[in-house]
Amino acid sequence: MKDVTIYTTAWCPFCIRAKMLLDKKQIKYTEIKVDGDQEKRQEMTKLSGGRTVPQIFIGETPIGGCDEMFALERQGELDALLSAN
């Protein structure tokens, strides 16, 4: 199983939805909270190219945010990405 990293803020409903999907699938993830942390937010933007939260990475690959992760799930591609070597 690949490592999953998710950049979040406490008040973001999309972050909560994304984490709920990962929890439902019993996927462990590293959460990096960017609330008021400009360095972490800049790191997130540099790595993902995205400025909004959540920004989700599977391994080293940025997959986008909540909507993109749910789209991968609907297309049956999320599990394959998570388990790919």
N, C-alpha and C. Protein backbone atom coordinates (compact mmCIF):
# COMPACT_ATOMS: atom_id res chain seq x y z
N MET A 1 0.85 -1.18 0.00
CA MET A 1 0.00 0.00 0.00
C MET A 1 0.90 1.24 0.00
N LYS A 2 0.61 2.14 -0.90
CA LYS A 2 1.39 3.38 -0.97
C LYS A 2 1.02 4.31 0.18
N ASP A 3 1.98 5.15 0.55
CA ASP A 3 1.72 6.16 1.57
C ASP A 3 0.78 7.22 1.00
N VAL A 4 -0.13 7.69 1.85
CA VAL A 4 -1.05 8.75 1.46
C VAL A 4 -0.79 9.94 2.39
N THR A 5 -0.67 11.11 1.78
CA THR A 5 -0.50 12.36 2.53
C THR A 5 -1.61 13.30 2.11
N ILE A 6 -2.20 13.97 3.09
CA ILE A 6 -3.28 14.90 2.80
C ILE A 6 -3.03 16.20 3.57
N TYR A 7 -2.97 17.29 2.83
CA TYR A 7 -2.83 18.62 3.42
C TYR A 7 -4.24 19.15 3.68
N THR A 8 -4.49 19.62 4.91
CA THR A 8 -5.83 20.00 5.31
C THR A 8 -5.86 21.28 6.14
N THR A 9 -7.08 21.78 6.34
CA THR A 9 -7.36 22.76 7.38
C THR A 9 -8.53 22.22 8.21
N ALA A 10 -8.65 22.70 9.42
CA ALA A 10 -9.66 22.17 10.34
C ALA A 10 -11.08 22.46 9.89
N TRP A 11 -11.30 23.58 9.23
CA TRP A 11 -12.67 24.01 8.92
C TRP A 11 -13.14 23.64 7.51
N CYS A 12 -12.34 22.89 6.78
CA CYS A 12 -12.64 22.58 5.38
C CYS A 12 -13.53 21.34 5.25
N PRO A 13 -14.77 21.51 4.74
CA PRO A 13 -15.66 20.35 4.60
C PRO A 13 -15.14 19.33 3.59
N PHE A 14 -14.40 19.78 2.58
CA PHE A 14 -13.84 18.85 1.59
C PHE A 14 -12.73 18.01 2.21
N CYS A 15 -11.97 18.60 3.13
CA CYS A 15 -10.94 17.85 3.85
C CYS A 15 -11.59 16.75 4.68
N ILE A 16 -12.67 17.10 5.36
CA ILE A 16 -13.38 16.13 6.20
C ILE A 16 -13.92 14.99 5.34
N ARG A 17 -14.52 15.31 4.20
CA ARG A 17 -15.05 14.27 3.30
C ARG A 17 -13.93 13.36 2.80
N ALA A 18 -12.81 13.95 2.42
CA ALA A 18 -11.69 13.16 1.90
C ALA A 18 -11.17 12.20 2.98
N LYS A 19 -11.02 12.71 4.19
CA LYS A 19 -10.54 11.86 5.29
C LYS A 19 -11.55 10.77 5.61
N MET A 20 -12.85 11.08 5.51
CA MET A 20 -13.88 10.07 5.78
C MET A 20 -13.79 8.93 4.77
N LEU A 21 -13.54 9.25 3.50
CA LEU A 21 -13.39 8.20 2.49
C LEU A 21 -12.17 7.33 2.80
N LEU A 22 -11.06 7.95 3.12
CA LEU A 22 -9.86 7.19 3.45
C LEU A 22 -10.10 6.32 4.69
N ASP A 23 -10.77 6.88 5.70
CA ASP A 23 -11.07 6.11 6.91
C ASP A 23 -11.99 4.93 6.59
N LYS A 24 -13.01 5.17 5.76
CA LYS A 24 -13.95 4.11 5.38
C LYS A 24 -13.21 2.97 4.68
N LYS A 25 -12.23 3.32 3.87
CA LYS A 25 -11.46 2.31 3.15
C LYS A 25 -10.32 1.75 4.00
N GLN A 26 -10.22 2.21 5.24
CA GLN A 26 -9.19 1.80 6.19
C GLN A 26 -7.78 2.05 5.63
N ILE A 27 -7.63 3.21 5.00
CA ILE A 27 -6.35 3.64 4.47
C ILE A 27 -5.70 4.57 5.48
N LYS A 28 -4.51 4.22 5.92
CA LYS A 28 -3.77 5.10 6.82
C LYS A 28 -3.19 6.24 6.01
N TYR A 29 -3.16 7.42 6.61
CA TYR A 29 -2.64 8.58 5.91
C TYR A 29 -1.95 9.50 6.89
N THR A 30 -1.08 10.33 6.35
CA THR A 30 -0.43 11.38 7.12
C THR A 30 -1.15 12.67 6.82
N GLU A 31 -1.63 13.33 7.86
CA GLU A 31 -2.33 14.59 7.69
C GLU A 31 -1.39 15.73 8.06
N ILE A 32 -1.26 16.68 7.15
CA ILE A 32 -0.45 17.86 7.40
C ILE A 32 -1.40 19.05 7.44
N LYS A 33 -1.55 19.62 8.62
CA LYS A 33 -2.47 20.74 8.81
C LYS A 33 -1.77 22.04 8.44
N VAL A 34 -2.39 22.82 7.58
CA VAL A 34 -1.79 24.07 7.12
C VAL A 34 -2.49 25.29 7.73
N ASP A 35 -3.36 25.08 8.69
CA ASP A 35 -4.05 26.20 9.36
C ASP A 35 -3.01 27.18 9.91
N GLY A 36 -2.98 28.38 9.37
CA GLY A 36 -2.09 29.41 9.88
C GLY A 36 -0.61 29.12 9.75
N ASP A 37 -0.24 28.11 8.98
CA ASP A 37 1.17 27.74 8.82
C ASP A 37 1.59 28.03 7.38
N GLN A 38 2.11 29.23 7.15
CA GLN A 38 2.47 29.64 5.79
C GLN A 38 3.53 28.75 5.17
N GLU A 39 4.48 28.27 5.97
CA GLU A 39 5.53 27.40 5.43
C GLU A 39 4.94 26.09 4.90
N LYS A 40 4.06 25.49 5.67
CA LYS A 40 3.43 24.23 5.23
C LYS A 40 2.53 24.47 4.01
N ARG A 41 1.82 25.60 4.00
CA ARG A 41 0.96 25.92 2.85
C ARG A 41 1.81 26.13 1.60
N GLN A 42 2.94 26.82 1.73
CA GLN A 42 3.83 27.02 0.59
C GLN A 42 4.42 25.69 0.11
N GLU A 43 4.76 24.82 1.06
CA GLU A 43 5.26 23.49 0.72
C GLU A 43 4.20 22.74 -0.09
N MET A 44 2.95 22.78 0.38
CA MET A 44 1.84 22.12 -0.29
C MET A 44 1.70 22.63 -1.72
N THR A 45 1.71 23.94 -1.88
CA THR A 45 1.55 24.55 -3.20
C THR A 45 2.70 24.18 -4.13
N LYS A 46 3.89 24.19 -3.60
CA LYS A 46 5.07 23.84 -4.41
C LYS A 46 5.00 22.39 -4.88
N LEU A 47 4.60 21.50 -3.99
CA LEU A 47 4.56 20.07 -4.33
C LEU A 47 3.40 19.70 -5.24
N SER A 48 2.25 20.34 -5.03
CA SER A 48 1.04 19.92 -5.74
C SER A 48 0.65 20.84 -6.89
N GLY A 49 1.08 22.10 -6.81
CA GLY A 49 0.61 23.08 -7.78
C GLY A 49 -0.75 23.64 -7.41
N GLY A 50 -1.37 23.09 -6.37
CA GLY A 50 -2.69 23.54 -5.94
C GLY A 50 -2.60 24.44 -4.72
N ARG A 51 -3.53 25.38 -4.65
CA ARG A 51 -3.53 26.33 -3.53
C ARG A 51 -4.66 26.06 -2.55
N THR A 52 -5.62 25.23 -2.93
CA THR A 52 -6.76 24.94 -2.06
C THR A 52 -6.54 23.62 -1.34
N VAL A 53 -7.26 23.45 -0.25
CA VAL A 53 -7.20 22.19 0.49
C VAL A 53 -8.49 21.43 0.28
N PRO A 54 -8.43 20.11 0.35
CA PRO A 54 -7.24 19.32 0.59
C PRO A 54 -6.41 19.17 -0.68
N GLN A 55 -5.14 18.88 -0.47
CA GLN A 55 -4.28 18.41 -1.55
C GLN A 55 -3.84 17.03 -1.11
N ILE A 56 -4.06 16.05 -1.98
CA ILE A 56 -3.86 14.65 -1.62
C ILE A 56 -2.77 14.06 -2.51
N PHE A 57 -1.88 13.32 -1.86
CA PHE A 57 -0.79 12.64 -2.56
C PHE A 57 -0.89 11.15 -2.29
N ILE A 58 -0.74 10.37 -3.35
CA ILE A 58 -0.60 8.93 -3.21
C ILE A 58 0.83 8.63 -3.61
N GLY A 59 1.60 8.21 -2.64
CA GLY A 59 3.04 8.13 -2.87
C GLY A 59 3.55 9.55 -3.08
N GLU A 60 4.30 9.75 -4.13
CA GLU A 60 4.82 11.08 -4.47
C GLU A 60 3.91 11.82 -5.46
N THR A 61 2.85 11.16 -5.89
CA THR A 61 2.00 11.70 -6.95
C THR A 61 0.84 12.52 -6.41
N PRO A 62 0.75 13.80 -6.77
CA PRO A 62 -0.42 14.58 -6.37
C PRO A 62 -1.63 14.18 -7.20
N ILE A 63 -2.75 13.88 -6.54
CA ILE A 63 -3.95 13.49 -7.29
C ILE A 63 -4.99 14.61 -7.29
N GLY A 64 -4.71 15.71 -6.60
CA GLY A 64 -5.67 16.81 -6.54
C GLY A 64 -6.35 16.84 -5.20
N GLY A 65 -7.62 17.21 -5.22
CA GLY A 65 -8.36 17.37 -3.98
C GLY A 65 -9.43 16.31 -3.79
N CYS A 66 -10.40 16.66 -2.99
CA CYS A 66 -11.50 15.75 -2.63
C CYS A 66 -12.27 15.29 -3.86
N ASP A 67 -12.66 16.22 -4.72
CA ASP A 67 -13.46 15.85 -5.90
C ASP A 67 -12.70 14.88 -6.79
N GLU A 68 -11.42 15.12 -6.97
CA GLU A 68 -10.62 14.23 -7.82
C GLU A 68 -10.48 12.84 -7.19
N MET A 69 -10.33 12.78 -5.86
CA MET A 69 -10.23 11.48 -5.21
C MET A 69 -11.54 10.71 -5.31
N PHE A 70 -12.68 11.40 -5.13
CA PHE A 70 -13.96 10.73 -5.27
C PHE A 70 -14.21 10.28 -6.71
N ALA A 71 -13.73 11.06 -7.68
CA ALA A 71 -13.86 10.66 -9.08
C ALA A 71 -13.06 9.38 -9.34
N LEU A 72 -11.86 9.31 -8.80
CA LEU A 72 -11.06 8.09 -8.94
C LEU A 72 -11.78 6.90 -8.30
N GLU A 73 -12.41 7.12 -7.16
CA GLU A 73 -13.15 6.06 -6.48
C GLU A 73 -14.34 5.60 -7.35
N ARG A 74 -15.09 6.54 -7.90
CA ARG A 74 -16.24 6.19 -8.75
C ARG A 74 -15.81 5.42 -10.00
N GLN A 75 -14.65 5.76 -10.53
CA GLN A 75 -14.13 5.10 -11.74
C GLN A 75 -13.45 3.78 -11.42
N GLY A 76 -13.37 3.42 -10.13
CA GLY A 76 -12.73 2.17 -9.74
C GLY A 76 -11.22 2.21 -9.84
N GLU A 77 -10.63 3.41 -9.85
CA GLU A 77 -9.19 3.53 -10.03
C GLU A 77 -8.43 3.83 -8.74
N LEU A 78 -9.13 4.23 -7.69
CA LEU A 78 -8.45 4.63 -6.46
C LEU A 78 -7.70 3.47 -5.83
N ASP A 79 -8.35 2.33 -5.70
CA ASP A 79 -7.70 1.17 -5.07
C ASP A 79 -6.44 0.75 -5.84
N ALA A 80 -6.51 0.81 -7.16
CA ALA A 80 -5.35 0.43 -7.98
C ALA A 80 -4.19 1.40 -7.74
N LEU A 81 -4.49 2.70 -7.65
CA LEU A 81 -3.45 3.68 -7.38
C LEU A 81 -2.82 3.46 -6.01
N LEU A 82 -3.65 3.13 -5.05
CA LEU A 82 -3.16 2.93 -3.68
C LEU A 82 -2.27 1.70 -3.56
N SER A 83 -2.56 0.67 -4.35
CA SER A 83 -1.79 -0.58 -4.22
C SER A 83 -0.71 -0.75 -5.27
N ALA A 84 -0.62 0.17 -6.24
CA ALA A 84 0.39 0.06 -7.30
C ALA A 84 1.79 0.15 -6.72
N ASN A 85 2.69 -0.58 -7.34
CA ASN A 85 4.09 -0.55 -6.88
C ASN A 85 4.83 0.53 -7.52
